[in-house]
Amino acid sequence: MTERQMQIGEVAERTGLSLRTIRHYEEVGLVAPSARSKGGFRLYTEADVERLMVIRRMKPLDFSLEEMRDLLEITDKITSDDAVSSEERERLRERLDSYRKVADARCETLRARLLAAEDFAATLRRRLEH
C-alpha cells in the first residue's frame, strides 16, 4: 500500500499555512516535497504535513529558522530507523529537552502578556460602562 500524496493546496488547507509560506520553508530547507507529479506539482505525505505543523507551532514562540532546522534534525534522527548509539540518542534527547524548556518559558511569557492584555481590555470595558 502506497502512502497517499497531496498537492500543495491540500497541504496548505490542512496546515493553515499559505502556499507562499510552504514554498518559503522549502526554499530554506525546512521541508521538501516527498515527490513531484508527472506535471511537476509538489507532492506531500502525511509526514510532510506533520513536519509543517511542527514548524507552524514553533513560529509563535519566536524560534528562528535555524532553531527550527536544528529541532527538525534532532527529531528526524531520534525517530529514524538508522542505528544511533545510545550515547548519541541521549545527547539528542538532551537537546530536545532544552527546546522543550525554552518553549515552556516562552509559553509562560505569552501567558503573562495575555493576562496583561485581558486586564487592559477589561479596564477599557469598565470605562465605557461608566
Protein backbone atom coordinates (compact mmCIF):
# COMPACT_ATOMS: atom_id res chain seq x y z
CA MET A 1 0.00 0.00 0.00
CA THR A 2 1.46 3.35 -1.03
CA GLU A 3 1.16 6.40 1.15
CA ARG A 4 -1.36 8.97 -0.02
CA GLN A 5 0.22 12.04 -1.55
CA MET A 6 -1.26 15.53 -1.51
CA GLN A 7 -0.69 18.57 -3.64
CA ILE A 8 0.42 21.81 -2.03
CA GLY A 9 -3.10 23.30 -1.99
CA GLU A 10 -4.44 20.49 0.21
CA VAL A 11 -1.38 20.75 2.45
CA ALA A 12 -1.95 24.49 2.81
CA GLU A 13 -5.57 23.87 3.74
CA ARG A 14 -4.65 21.17 6.27
CA THR A 15 -1.87 23.19 7.93
CA GLY A 16 -3.36 26.68 7.74
CA LEU A 17 -0.17 27.87 6.02
CA SER A 18 -0.17 29.81 2.77
CA LEU A 19 1.26 28.34 -0.43
CA ARG A 20 3.91 31.06 -0.31
CA THR A 21 4.91 30.11 3.24
CA ILE A 22 5.18 26.42 2.37
CA ARG A 23 7.32 27.26 -0.65
CA HIS A 24 9.49 29.52 1.54
CA TYR A 25 10.03 26.70 4.05
CA GLU A 26 11.04 24.51 1.12
CA GLU A 27 13.48 27.16 -0.16
CA VAL A 28 15.18 27.45 3.25
CA GLY A 29 15.40 23.66 3.62
CA LEU A 30 12.90 23.05 6.42
CA VAL A 31 10.63 20.81 4.38
CA ALA A 32 10.80 19.20 0.97
CA PRO A 33 8.04 17.64 -1.07
CA SER A 34 8.31 13.86 -0.95
CA ALA A 35 7.82 13.67 -4.70
CA ARG A 36 6.73 15.52 -7.80
CA SER A 37 3.86 14.58 -10.08
CA LYS A 38 4.44 13.93 -13.76
CA GLY A 39 3.28 17.51 -14.31
CA GLY A 40 5.88 18.83 -11.86
CA PHE A 41 3.49 19.54 -8.98
CA ARG A 42 4.86 19.19 -5.45
CA LEU A 43 3.52 16.11 -3.68
CA TYR A 44 3.50 15.80 0.10
CA THR A 45 2.84 12.94 2.51
CA GLU A 46 1.26 12.87 5.95
CA ALA A 47 4.80 13.01 7.43
CA ASP A 48 5.43 16.23 5.47
CA VAL A 49 2.21 17.72 6.89
CA GLU A 50 3.31 16.76 10.41
CA ARG A 51 6.68 18.42 9.80
CA LEU A 52 4.97 21.62 8.64
CA MET A 53 2.77 21.55 11.74
CA VAL A 54 5.88 21.41 13.96
CA ILE A 55 7.22 24.47 12.14
CA ARG A 56 3.85 26.23 12.43
CA ARG A 57 3.75 25.60 16.18
CA MET A 58 7.29 26.91 16.66
CA LYS A 59 6.63 30.18 14.82
CA PRO A 60 4.51 31.93 17.51
CA LEU A 61 7.20 31.07 20.05
CA ASP A 62 9.74 33.08 18.01
CA PHE A 63 12.04 30.20 17.15
CA SER A 64 14.43 31.15 14.36
CA LEU A 65 14.64 29.25 11.08
CA GLU A 66 17.97 27.85 12.26
CA GLU A 67 16.42 26.63 15.52
CA MET A 68 13.54 25.09 13.56
CA ARG A 69 16.03 23.33 11.29
CA ASP A 70 18.02 22.08 14.28
CA LEU A 71 14.93 20.79 16.10
CA LEU A 72 13.69 19.01 12.97
CA GLU A 73 17.11 17.38 12.51
CA ILE A 74 17.03 16.21 16.13
CA THR A 75 13.56 14.70 15.79
CA ASP A 76 14.47 13.14 12.43
CA LYS A 77 17.49 11.42 14.00
CA ILE A 78 15.60 10.29 17.12
CA THR A 79 12.75 8.79 15.10
CA SER A 80 14.82 7.33 12.28
CA ASP A 81 15.45 3.63 11.91
CA ASP A 82 19.15 4.33 11.40
CA ALA A 83 21.46 2.93 14.01
CA VAL A 84 22.07 5.67 16.58
CA SER A 85 24.25 4.84 19.56
CA SER A 86 22.68 5.09 22.98
CA GLU A 87 25.10 7.93 23.81
CA GLU A 88 24.06 9.84 20.68
CA ARG A 89 20.38 9.18 21.42
CA GLU A 90 20.85 10.58 24.94
CA ARG A 91 22.58 13.71 23.57
CA LEU A 92 19.70 14.19 21.12
CA ARG A 93 17.16 13.79 23.92
CA GLU A 94 19.02 16.40 25.99
CA ARG A 95 18.97 18.85 23.07
CA LEU A 96 15.27 18.14 22.53
CA ASP A 97 14.62 18.74 26.22
CA SER A 98 16.41 22.10 26.01
CA TYR A 99 13.98 23.12 23.24
CA ARG A 100 11.09 21.98 25.44
CA LYS A 101 12.36 24.14 28.29
CA VAL A 102 12.66 27.18 26.00
CA ALA A 103 9.16 26.54 24.63
CA ASP A 104 7.75 26.23 28.18
CA ALA A 105 9.41 29.51 29.20
CA ARG A 106 8.15 31.32 26.11
CA CYS A 107 4.63 29.99 26.71
CA GLU A 108 4.78 31.36 30.25
CA THR A 109 5.84 34.76 28.89
CA LEU A 110 2.97 34.71 26.39
CA ARG A 111 0.51 33.78 29.18
CA ALA A 112 1.69 36.76 31.22
CA ARG A 113 1.34 39.07 28.21
CA LEU A 114 -2.15 37.72 27.53
CA LEU A 115 -3.20 38.34 31.14
CA ALA A 116 -1.93 41.92 30.91
CA ALA A 117 -3.77 42.43 27.61
CA GLU A 118 -7.00 40.97 29.03
CA ASP A 119 -6.67 43.23 32.08
CA PHE A 120 -6.25 46.25 29.81
CA ALA A 121 -9.28 45.26 27.72
CA ALA A 122 -11.34 44.86 30.91
CA THR A 123 -10.23 48.33 32.05
CA LEU A 124 -11.43 49.80 28.75
CA ARG A 125 -14.77 47.98 29.04
CA ARG A 126 -15.26 49.34 32.58
CA ARG A 127 -14.51 52.88 31.39
CA LEU A 128 -17.05 52.53 28.58
CA GLU A 129 -19.69 51.33 31.03
CA HIS A 130 -19.35 54.44 33.20
